[in-house]
Amino acid sequence: MGLIYRLNVPYVEKDQAKALGAKWNFSEKYWYYDGELPDGLRRWYRDNDETSITESLKASKGENGSSHTAADGAVNAGEEDDLYKTVSEVNEMIYNNFEATTEFQMIMVKGEVTNYSGHRGRNYYFAIKDKSALLPCFMWEDTANAVLKFELEQGQQVAIIGRLDYYMAGGKCQLMVRQIANIGDGAANLAYLKLKAKLEAEGLFDPEHKKAIPKYPENVGIITSKDGQAIKDICKVAGKRNPYVQLILYHVNVQGKNAVSTIVEGIKYMDALGLDTLIVGRGGGSDEELMSYNDELIARAVFEAKTPIISAVGHEGHWTLIDYVSDKRVATPSEAAEEAVPDVMVDILRVERLKKSIEVNMYNQLKQKRLLLSAKVAVLEKNSPERRLKEKTDRLSLLTEHLHENIRRAFELRTHRYEVLVAGLHGLSPTAKLVNGFGYISHDKKPVTSVKEINEGDMLKIKIHDGEILSEVKKLII
């Protein structure tokens, strides 16, 4: 078999042990760990001793299933190791028998305290005795804080409920104390311890049955006296933390006559309403004043309720049965209100911070998206057909204007040049000189360029600027 560690876990630390991997044995009602023990669980393993239960016991037999000895009874050579058990194996055999004996799991014993000189470190070590025998005992510090309600002293007569444990490393049998009472406390305390052990054995205190307290309740039921300080404290604290949570009071007697019956009725009635959370409590008191909350009927009513229940019966040093059974135990009614009703301002401020953070993030993202959008729009506009068509149209219009201007200028330039050429040609034209008394002389449609080309009697045509003159040659002068 694998390594098994049986753990001595106080009730108030069961959640921690479970979170670290400890397991609950429902049939025998104890915590254990299967495998290599983590450091976090070592404090609950027999006074921090690191010795574990070994692998399964090795048989000291030969190949045919029986031990071999010489004829004279001496051990044969080489067989000595197979015949003798180790000290650890013997101690483990004793331990396994202790674990398998159900009578050892809950023992009620009375005796006189001896061998006690104050607790050492975290734990209490002492013994109890009668006229003829002595029984070593130890008690975890957490257990003592929860159940030890008197100063432990030499010579006291005490009543103890516990589990018989075998400490393998030291080969020592001792009683692990779960409940302890001074005999002088009377029968009532002994009855309380017996009832507590009974309910614990039935599993009413097991962490597996604990219900989670709602984080955001809409209504909270309060089972306490309408005249006590508890309801005032709860209303005051709850009102400051979240005035929107509805508080519903069921008035009960918190002590004395009819206390148990009214509290049980209140738990059942409020549980049937389907509220989010119930607070059962009062403003502390002496052991006698808190006695009603140690009643079995109240403990079972709390266990059977479907609504998560917060107990706030006593102060830090007082634990009643309802505290062990409830889903959450707190010391005072004010703490119960804090546990049941969240501080809405904390949540509002948190929401405001988240809202502001979201707004800033959204603004930054929106800003980035706008910049990205502007860049994309610019690219789209730059490359859009409409923009490009407009650019081409504008360019065409501009080029058309330039063309018209260039044509006009070219026309004007050419017109001017034409006029200049015409003027030049006109200046060079023979007819242009006829205006000033010059004429153009031709004979037989040929220009007369020399007197030698004509004779007397020829008919000449003289062309002037406004007409022609027909003339006969009378005489040639050379």
Protein backbone atom coordinates (compact mmCIF):
# COMPACT_ATOMS: atom_id res chain seq x y z
CA MET A 1 0.00 0.00 0.00
CA GLY A 2 1.05 3.64 -0.38
CA LEU A 3 2.13 5.98 2.40
CA ILE A 4 -0.83 6.88 4.65
CA TYR A 5 -0.74 9.74 7.17
CA ARG A 6 -3.46 10.11 9.75
CA LEU A 7 -3.87 13.76 10.68
CA ASN A 8 -5.01 15.35 13.94
CA VAL A 9 -6.84 18.34 12.47
CA PRO A 10 -8.75 20.66 14.86
CA TYR A 11 -12.24 21.54 13.67
CA VAL A 12 -11.41 25.21 13.17
CA GLU A 13 -8.59 24.28 10.77
CA LYS A 14 -10.42 21.68 8.67
CA ASP A 15 -10.88 24.03 5.72
CA GLN A 16 -7.14 24.69 5.63
CA ALA A 17 -6.33 20.99 5.79
CA LYS A 18 -8.80 20.19 3.01
CA ALA A 19 -7.35 22.93 0.82
CA LEU A 20 -3.91 21.34 1.25
CA GLY A 21 -5.19 17.95 0.06
CA ALA A 22 -6.27 16.23 3.26
CA LYS A 23 -9.13 13.72 2.91
CA TRP A 24 -11.93 12.80 5.31
CA ASN A 25 -12.64 9.20 6.26
CA PHE A 26 -16.43 9.19 6.57
CA SER A 27 -16.73 5.75 8.09
CA GLU A 28 -14.17 6.24 10.89
CA LYS A 29 -14.36 10.06 11.08
CA TYR A 30 -10.77 11.20 10.77
CA TRP A 31 -8.58 13.16 8.35
CA TYR A 32 -5.76 11.52 6.45
CA TYR A 33 -3.36 12.04 3.53
CA ASP A 34 -2.39 9.37 1.00
CA GLY A 35 1.07 9.88 -0.51
CA GLU A 36 4.16 11.95 0.28
CA LEU A 37 3.08 14.32 3.08
CA PRO A 38 3.28 18.01 1.99
CA ASP A 39 5.00 20.46 4.33
CA GLY A 40 1.74 22.30 4.92
CA LEU A 41 0.12 19.21 6.50
CA ARG A 42 3.02 18.21 8.74
CA ARG A 43 1.83 20.37 11.64
CA TRP A 44 -1.21 18.09 12.00
CA TYR A 45 0.76 14.84 11.89
CA ARG A 46 1.58 13.63 15.45
CA ASP A 47 3.42 16.64 16.88
CA ASN A 48 5.27 17.39 13.62
CA ASP A 49 7.08 14.04 13.65
CA GLU A 50 7.98 13.20 10.06
CA THR A 51 7.87 9.42 10.45
CA SER A 52 5.26 7.99 8.06
CA ILE A 53 3.49 4.67 7.95
CA THR A 54 5.79 2.44 5.91
CA GLU A 55 4.91 0.30 2.95
CA SER A 56 2.95 -2.89 3.69
CA LEU A 57 4.49 -5.22 6.27
CA LYS A 58 7.05 -7.57 4.79
CA ALA A 59 6.38 -11.26 5.46
CA SER A 60 9.15 -13.10 7.21
CA LYS A 61 8.59 -16.37 5.37
CA GLY A 62 10.56 -18.58 3.04
CA GLU A 63 9.74 -19.48 -0.56
CA ASN A 64 7.21 -22.14 0.42
CA GLY A 65 5.42 -19.83 2.82
CA SER A 66 6.98 -21.14 6.06
CA SER A 67 10.06 -20.13 8.06
CA HIS A 68 13.18 -22.28 7.87
CA THR A 69 15.17 -23.23 10.96
CA ALA A 70 17.89 -25.73 11.64
CA ALA A 71 17.11 -29.02 13.41
CA ASP A 72 18.37 -27.66 16.69
CA GLY A 73 16.18 -24.58 16.41
CA ALA A 74 19.03 -22.25 15.44
CA VAL A 75 18.58 -19.82 12.62
CA ASN A 76 20.15 -20.97 9.37
CA ALA A 77 22.78 -18.74 7.83
CA GLY A 78 21.30 -16.14 5.50
CA GLU A 79 17.79 -16.50 6.96
CA GLU A 80 18.17 -14.24 10.00
CA ASP A 81 16.89 -11.11 8.20
CA ASP A 82 13.73 -12.93 7.10
CA LEU A 83 12.79 -14.11 10.60
CA TYR A 84 13.25 -10.94 12.62
CA LYS A 85 11.02 -7.87 12.22
CA THR A 86 12.41 -4.41 12.49
CA VAL A 87 11.34 -2.10 15.28
CA SER A 88 9.50 0.05 12.74
CA GLU A 89 7.56 -2.98 11.48
CA VAL A 90 6.49 -3.96 14.97
CA ASN A 91 5.45 -0.43 15.80
CA GLU A 92 3.54 -0.22 12.55
CA MET A 93 1.68 -3.41 13.40
CA ILE A 94 0.67 -1.85 16.71
CA TYR A 95 -0.32 1.38 14.99
CA ASN A 96 -2.45 -0.41 12.40
CA ASN A 97 -4.25 -2.28 15.15
CA PHE A 98 -4.90 0.99 16.95
CA GLU A 99 -6.34 2.49 13.78
CA ALA A 100 -8.53 -0.55 13.12
CA THR A 101 -9.98 -0.63 16.64
CA THR A 102 -13.14 1.49 16.60
CA GLU A 103 -13.34 1.53 20.41
CA PHE A 104 -10.15 3.59 20.43
CA GLN A 105 -11.60 6.32 18.21
CA MET A 106 -13.74 7.89 20.94
CA ILE A 107 -12.91 7.22 24.57
CA MET A 108 -14.49 8.96 27.56
CA VAL A 109 -12.29 8.81 30.65
CA LYS A 110 -11.95 10.58 34.00
CA GLY A 111 -8.80 10.93 36.04
CA GLU A 112 -6.36 13.14 37.96
CA VAL A 113 -4.00 15.44 36.06
CA THR A 114 -0.35 14.62 36.59
CA ASN A 115 3.03 15.20 34.93
CA TYR A 116 1.92 18.66 33.77
CA SER A 117 4.21 21.65 34.09
CA GLY A 118 2.72 24.00 31.50
CA HIS A 119 2.29 23.50 27.78
CA ARG A 120 5.41 23.30 25.66
CA GLY A 121 5.46 25.22 22.41
CA ARG A 122 2.16 24.70 20.65
CA ASN A 123 0.91 21.62 22.46
CA TYR A 124 -0.18 20.43 25.91
CA TYR A 125 1.46 17.29 27.33
CA PHE A 126 0.29 15.70 30.59
CA ALA A 127 -1.17 12.49 31.96
CA ILE A 128 -4.19 11.39 33.92
CA LYS A 129 -4.13 8.68 36.58
CA ASP A 130 -6.24 6.72 38.98
CA LYS A 131 -5.14 4.59 41.93
CA SER A 132 -3.35 1.96 39.87
CA ALA A 133 -2.59 3.27 36.36
CA LEU A 134 -1.45 6.28 34.33
CA LEU A 135 -2.47 7.37 30.78
CA PRO A 136 -0.30 9.88 28.80
CA CYS A 137 -2.29 12.63 27.07
CA PHE A 138 -1.60 15.41 24.59
CA MET A 139 -3.73 18.23 23.26
CA TRP A 140 -3.16 20.52 20.27
CA GLU A 141 -2.95 24.23 21.04
CA ASP A 142 -5.86 24.97 18.66
CA THR A 143 -7.97 22.37 20.40
CA ALA A 144 -7.10 23.87 23.78
CA ASN A 145 -8.06 27.33 22.56
CA ALA A 146 -11.47 26.01 21.55
CA VAL A 147 -12.34 23.64 24.43
CA LEU A 148 -10.12 24.38 27.45
CA LYS A 149 -12.15 26.75 29.61
CA PHE A 150 -10.11 26.51 32.80
CA GLU A 151 -6.48 26.61 33.91
CA LEU A 152 -5.07 23.12 33.67
CA GLU A 153 -3.25 22.26 36.89
CA GLN A 154 -1.64 19.33 38.66
CA GLY A 155 -4.05 17.26 40.76
CA GLN A 156 -7.24 18.35 39.00
CA GLN A 157 -9.96 15.83 38.38
CA VAL A 158 -10.90 16.09 34.70
CA ALA A 159 -13.22 14.40 32.25
CA ILE A 160 -11.77 13.84 28.78
CA ILE A 161 -13.21 12.76 25.45
CA GLY A 162 -10.53 11.78 22.97
CA ARG A 163 -8.98 9.26 20.65
CA LEU A 164 -6.34 6.71 21.61
CA ASP A 165 -3.27 7.24 19.45
CA TYR A 166 -0.08 5.24 19.03
CA TYR A 167 3.05 7.30 18.41
CA MET A 168 5.18 4.97 16.27
CA ALA A 169 8.46 6.91 16.42
CA GLY A 170 8.51 6.78 20.21
CA GLY A 171 6.59 3.53 20.67
CA LYS A 172 4.19 5.37 22.93
CA CYS A 173 0.45 5.11 23.49
CA GLN A 174 -1.28 8.37 24.37
CA LEU A 175 -4.74 9.89 24.48
CA MET A 176 -5.32 12.68 21.95
CA VAL A 177 -7.68 15.09 23.75
CA ARG A 178 -10.69 16.45 21.86
CA GLN A 179 -12.76 17.69 24.81
CA ILE A 180 -11.75 18.32 28.40
CA ALA A 181 -13.69 19.55 31.40
CA ASN A 182 -12.98 20.11 35.04
CA ILE A 183 -15.06 17.65 37.06
CA GLY A 184 -15.99 20.59 39.25
CA ASP A 185 -17.86 22.09 36.29
CA GLY A 186 -20.68 19.66 36.94
CA ALA A 187 -22.82 17.31 34.91
CA ALA A 188 -24.00 20.00 32.45
CA ASN A 189 -20.56 20.48 30.96
CA LEU A 190 -19.98 16.76 30.76
CA ALA A 191 -23.31 16.39 28.97
CA TYR A 192 -22.25 19.15 26.56
CA LEU A 193 -18.99 17.36 25.77
CA LYS A 194 -20.80 14.09 25.21
CA LEU A 195 -23.37 15.71 22.91
CA LYS A 196 -20.63 17.53 20.99
CA ALA A 197 -18.75 14.28 20.47
CA LYS A 198 -21.97 12.61 19.31
CA LEU A 199 -22.82 15.32 16.77
CA GLU A 200 -19.24 15.42 15.52
CA ALA A 201 -19.27 11.65 15.04
CA GLU A 202 -22.49 12.00 13.01
CA GLY A 203 -20.75 14.45 10.69
CA LEU A 204 -22.71 17.61 11.60
CA PHE A 205 -19.47 19.58 11.89
CA ASP A 206 -17.89 18.28 8.67
CA PRO A 207 -16.69 21.04 6.32
CA GLU A 208 -18.21 19.19 3.36
CA HIS A 209 -21.65 20.33 4.56
CA LYS A 210 -20.75 24.02 4.87
CA LYS A 211 -22.64 26.29 2.46
CA ALA A 212 -21.07 29.40 0.97
CA ILE A 213 -22.32 32.77 2.22
CA PRO A 214 -23.81 34.78 -0.71
CA LYS A 215 -21.63 37.73 -1.63
CA TYR A 216 -24.42 40.04 -2.79
CA PRO A 217 -27.60 39.27 -0.79
CA GLU A 218 -30.89 41.05 -1.30
CA ASN A 219 -32.40 40.01 2.03
CA VAL A 220 -30.94 38.75 5.29
CA GLY A 221 -32.91 37.08 8.07
CA ILE A 222 -31.96 37.78 11.70
CA ILE A 223 -32.99 35.39 14.48
CA THR A 224 -32.43 37.13 17.78
CA SER A 225 -34.21 39.20 20.41
CA LYS A 226 -35.87 42.41 19.27
CA ASP A 227 -34.82 44.04 22.53
CA GLY A 228 -31.17 43.01 22.62
CA GLN A 229 -28.03 44.83 21.57
CA ALA A 230 -27.38 42.27 18.83
CA ILE A 231 -30.15 43.50 16.51
CA LYS A 232 -29.06 47.11 17.04
CA ASP A 233 -25.46 46.30 16.15
CA ILE A 234 -26.49 44.29 13.09
CA CYS A 235 -28.81 47.02 11.79
CA LYS A 236 -26.21 49.72 12.41
CA VAL A 237 -23.39 47.90 10.64
CA ALA A 238 -25.56 46.56 7.80
CA GLY A 239 -27.13 50.00 7.23
CA LYS A 240 -23.71 51.59 6.81
CA ARG A 241 -22.44 48.86 4.52
CA ASN A 242 -25.49 48.52 2.27
CA PRO A 243 -28.78 50.27 3.13
CA TYR A 244 -30.50 48.51 0.20
CA VAL A 245 -30.30 45.03 1.76
CA GLN A 246 -33.60 44.10 3.40
CA LEU A 247 -33.23 42.93 7.02
CA ILE A 248 -35.98 40.66 8.37
CA LEU A 249 -36.15 40.02 12.14
CA TYR A 250 -37.63 36.97 13.81
CA HIS A 251 -37.90 37.71 17.53
CA VAL A 252 -36.79 34.88 19.84
CA ASN A 253 -35.87 34.39 23.47
CA VAL A 254 -32.07 34.13 23.54
CA GLN A 255 -31.95 32.57 27.02
CA GLY A 256 -34.15 31.07 29.66
CA LYS A 257 -37.59 29.62 29.23
CA ASN A 258 -38.79 28.92 25.66
CA ALA A 259 -35.40 30.00 24.22
CA VAL A 260 -34.73 26.68 22.47
CA SER A 261 -38.22 26.30 21.04
CA THR A 262 -38.43 29.88 19.72
CA ILE A 263 -34.96 29.69 18.18
CA VAL A 264 -35.77 26.39 16.45
CA GLU A 265 -39.08 27.81 15.20
CA GLY A 266 -37.30 30.94 13.98
CA ILE A 267 -34.69 28.98 12.04
CA LYS A 268 -37.31 26.79 10.35
CA TYR A 269 -39.64 29.72 9.58
CA MET A 270 -36.93 31.96 8.13
CA ASP A 271 -35.39 29.07 6.19
CA ALA A 272 -38.75 28.49 4.48
CA LEU A 273 -38.85 32.12 3.25
CA GLY A 274 -36.04 31.52 0.77
CA LEU A 275 -33.84 34.34 2.08
CA ASP A 276 -30.22 34.72 1.00
CA THR A 277 -28.61 34.44 4.44
CA LEU A 278 -29.62 33.89 8.07
CA ILE A 279 -27.89 35.29 11.17
CA VAL A 280 -28.51 33.45 14.43
CA GLY A 281 -27.04 35.13 17.47
CA ARG A 282 -27.06 37.27 20.55
CA GLY A 283 -24.72 39.68 22.29
CA GLY A 284 -22.49 37.19 24.07
CA GLY A 285 -22.80 36.22 27.72
CA SER A 286 -21.68 33.71 30.30
CA ASP A 287 -21.66 29.96 29.74
CA GLU A 288 -24.98 29.72 31.55
CA GLU A 289 -26.53 32.47 29.41
CA LEU A 290 -25.33 30.77 26.21
CA MET A 291 -26.59 27.34 27.28
CA SER A 292 -29.60 27.39 24.95
CA TYR A 293 -27.33 27.44 21.90
CA ASN A 294 -25.78 24.16 23.01
CA ASP A 295 -29.10 22.36 22.61
CA GLU A 296 -29.25 19.43 20.19
CA LEU A 297 -32.53 20.63 18.63
CA ILE A 298 -30.99 23.96 17.62
CA ALA A 299 -27.85 22.28 16.29
CA ARG A 300 -29.91 19.94 14.12
CA ALA A 301 -32.17 22.76 12.91
CA VAL A 302 -29.11 24.67 11.75
CA PHE A 303 -27.67 21.59 10.05
CA GLU A 304 -30.93 20.82 8.23
CA ALA A 305 -31.50 24.41 7.03
CA LYS A 306 -31.07 25.02 3.30
CA THR A 307 -30.24 28.71 3.79
CA PRO A 308 -26.61 29.56 4.68
CA ILE A 309 -26.42 30.40 8.39
CA ILE A 310 -23.95 32.66 10.21
CA SER A 311 -23.69 32.09 13.95
CA ALA A 312 -22.84 35.04 16.21
CA VAL A 313 -23.65 33.79 19.68
CA GLY A 314 -20.69 34.51 21.90
CA HIS A 315 -17.41 36.33 21.82
CA GLU A 316 -14.02 35.05 20.68
CA GLY A 317 -13.50 32.76 23.66
CA HIS A 318 -16.97 31.20 23.61
CA TRP A 319 -17.90 28.41 21.23
CA THR A 320 -21.34 26.79 21.33
CA LEU A 321 -22.64 23.81 19.38
CA ILE A 322 -24.37 26.09 16.87
CA ASP A 323 -20.95 27.60 16.05
CA TYR A 324 -19.63 24.19 15.00
CA VAL A 325 -22.71 23.35 12.90
CA SER A 326 -23.27 26.72 11.21
CA ASP A 327 -21.85 27.53 7.80
CA LYS A 328 -19.85 30.46 9.18
CA ARG A 329 -18.99 31.33 12.76
CA VAL A 330 -18.13 34.87 13.89
CA ALA A 331 -17.50 36.29 17.33
CA THR A 332 -20.02 39.16 17.45
CA PRO A 333 -23.25 40.34 15.77
CA SER A 334 -21.34 43.23 14.22
CA GLU A 335 -18.97 40.78 12.56
CA ALA A 336 -21.98 38.76 11.40
CA ALA A 337 -23.38 41.86 9.68
CA GLU A 338 -20.01 42.47 8.06
CA GLU A 339 -19.89 38.87 6.85
CA ALA A 340 -23.50 38.84 5.58
CA VAL A 341 -23.72 42.31 4.05
CA PRO A 342 -20.97 43.50 1.70
CA ASP A 343 -19.76 47.09 1.92
CA VAL A 344 -21.57 48.60 -1.03
CA MET A 345 -19.36 51.70 -1.01
CA VAL A 346 -16.31 49.51 -1.57
CA ASP A 347 -18.06 47.95 -4.54
CA ILE A 348 -19.32 51.34 -5.76
CA LEU A 349 -15.82 52.82 -5.58
CA ARG A 350 -14.48 49.74 -7.31
CA VAL A 351 -17.12 50.11 -10.02
CA GLU A 352 -16.27 53.81 -10.34
CA ARG A 353 -12.59 52.96 -10.72
CA LEU A 354 -13.43 50.33 -13.29
CA LYS A 355 -15.76 52.77 -15.06
CA LYS A 356 -13.06 55.44 -15.12
CA SER A 357 -10.52 52.93 -16.36
CA ILE A 358 -12.95 51.78 -19.05
CA GLU A 359 -13.64 55.38 -20.06
CA VAL A 360 -9.93 56.18 -20.31
CA ASN A 361 -9.27 52.99 -22.25
CA MET A 362 -12.23 53.63 -24.52
CA TYR A 363 -11.14 57.24 -25.08
CA ASN A 364 -7.60 56.15 -25.94
CA GLN A 365 -8.86 53.40 -28.20
CA LEU A 366 -11.37 55.76 -29.82
CA LYS A 367 -8.64 58.31 -30.35
CA GLN A 368 -6.40 55.71 -31.94
CA LYS A 369 -9.28 54.42 -34.06
CA ARG A 370 -10.11 57.94 -35.19
CA LEU A 371 -6.51 58.59 -36.19
CA LEU A 372 -6.43 55.26 -38.00
CA LEU A 373 -9.79 56.04 -39.61
CA SER A 374 -8.57 59.47 -40.71
CA ALA A 375 -5.51 57.87 -42.27
CA LYS A 376 -7.66 55.24 -44.00
CA VAL A 377 -10.14 57.88 -45.19
CA ALA A 378 -7.29 59.99 -46.53
CA VAL A 379 -5.94 57.00 -48.44
CA LEU A 380 -9.42 56.13 -49.70
CA GLU A 381 -10.15 59.70 -50.70
CA LYS A 382 -6.80 59.95 -52.41
CA ASN A 383 -7.43 56.79 -54.38
CA SER A 384 -11.19 57.07 -54.82
CA PRO A 385 -12.50 57.18 -58.45
CA GLU A 386 -14.55 60.27 -57.67
CA ARG A 387 -11.53 62.15 -56.35
CA ARG A 388 -9.36 60.99 -59.20
CA LEU A 389 -12.09 61.93 -61.71
CA LYS A 390 -12.37 65.34 -60.09
CA GLU A 391 -8.61 65.76 -60.22
CA LYS A 392 -8.62 64.75 -63.89
CA THR A 393 -11.59 67.05 -64.58
CA ASP A 394 -9.91 69.94 -62.78
CA ARG A 395 -6.71 69.26 -64.65
CA LEU A 396 -8.64 69.06 -67.94
CA SER A 397 -10.32 72.37 -67.18
CA LEU A 398 -6.98 73.91 -66.32
CA LEU A 399 -5.37 72.50 -69.43
CA THR A 400 -8.33 73.73 -71.50
CA GLU A 401 -7.91 77.21 -70.11
CA HIS A 402 -4.20 77.05 -70.77
CA LEU A 403 -4.91 75.80 -74.28
CA HIS A 404 -7.37 78.60 -74.97
CA GLU A 405 -4.91 81.11 -73.54
CA ASN A 406 -2.08 79.65 -75.57
CA ILE A 407 -4.23 79.65 -78.72
CA ARG A 408 -5.25 83.26 -78.06
CA ARG A 409 -1.68 84.27 -77.45
CA ALA A 410 -0.47 82.29 -80.48
CA PHE A 411 -3.25 83.87 -82.57
CA GLU A 412 -2.40 87.32 -81.35
CA LEU A 413 1.28 86.65 -81.93
CA ARG A 414 0.68 85.33 -85.40
CA THR A 415 -1.76 88.14 -86.16
CA HIS A 416 0.80 90.65 -85.07
CA ARG A 417 3.46 88.88 -87.08
CA TYR A 418 1.11 88.80 -90.04
CA GLU A 419 0.48 92.46 -89.73
CA VAL A 420 4.18 93.07 -89.51
CA LEU A 421 4.79 90.94 -92.59
CA VAL A 422 1.91 92.55 -94.42
CA ALA A 423 3.30 95.92 -93.52
CA GLY A 424 6.71 94.80 -94.71
CA LEU A 425 5.29 93.40 -97.91
CA HIS A 426 3.26 96.51 -98.42
CA GLY A 427 6.39 98.52 -97.97
CA LEU A 428 8.10 96.43 -100.59
CA SER A 429 5.10 96.40 -102.98
CA PRO A 430 5.58 98.43 -106.17
CA THR A 431 2.03 99.62 -106.00
CA ALA A 432 2.63 101.08 -102.60
CA LYS A 433 4.99 103.63 -104.19
CA LEU A 434 2.43 104.65 -106.83
CA VAL A 435 0.73 106.80 -104.27
CA ASN A 436 3.49 109.34 -104.41
CA GLY A 437 3.34 109.96 -108.17
CA PHE A 438 4.93 106.79 -109.30
CA GLY A 439 3.33 104.61 -111.94
CA TYR A 440 3.78 101.17 -113.42
CA ILE A 441 4.54 101.19 -117.16
CA SER A 442 3.84 98.15 -119.25
CA HIS A 443 3.78 97.40 -122.99
CA ASP A 444 1.97 94.44 -124.31
CA LYS A 445 1.46 93.31 -120.68
CA LYS A 446 5.16 93.37 -120.06
CA PRO A 447 6.83 95.82 -117.79
CA VAL A 448 8.93 98.48 -119.48
CA THR A 449 12.29 98.46 -117.85
CA SER A 450 14.31 100.33 -120.54
CA VAL A 451 13.59 102.89 -123.29
CA LYS A 452 15.29 100.54 -125.62
CA GLU A 453 12.38 98.12 -125.31
CA ILE A 454 9.87 100.52 -126.94
CA ASN A 455 9.61 102.55 -130.11
CA GLU A 456 7.97 105.76 -131.01
CA GLY A 457 4.32 105.25 -131.70
CA ASP A 458 3.95 102.32 -129.23
CA MET A 459 1.01 102.39 -126.96
CA LEU A 460 2.04 102.24 -123.26
CA LYS A 461 -0.14 101.56 -120.22
CA ILE A 462 0.70 103.50 -117.11
CA LYS A 463 -0.84 102.21 -113.90
CA ILE A 464 -1.06 104.54 -110.95
CA HIS A 465 -2.55 104.00 -107.52
CA ASP A 466 -6.10 104.79 -108.50
CA GLY A 467 -6.27 103.78 -112.16
CA GLU A 468 -4.50 103.28 -115.55
CA ILE A 469 -3.42 105.74 -118.25
CA LEU A 470 -3.11 104.71 -121.94
CA SER A 471 -0.39 106.76 -123.64
CA GLU A 472 1.29 106.82 -127.07
CA VAL A 473 5.07 107.25 -127.31
CA LYS A 474 5.82 110.45 -129.30
CA LYS A 475 9.51 110.60 -128.85
CA LEU A 476 12.28 108.61 -127.23
CA ILE A 477 14.96 110.50 -125.41
CA ILE A 478 18.10 108.58 -124.74
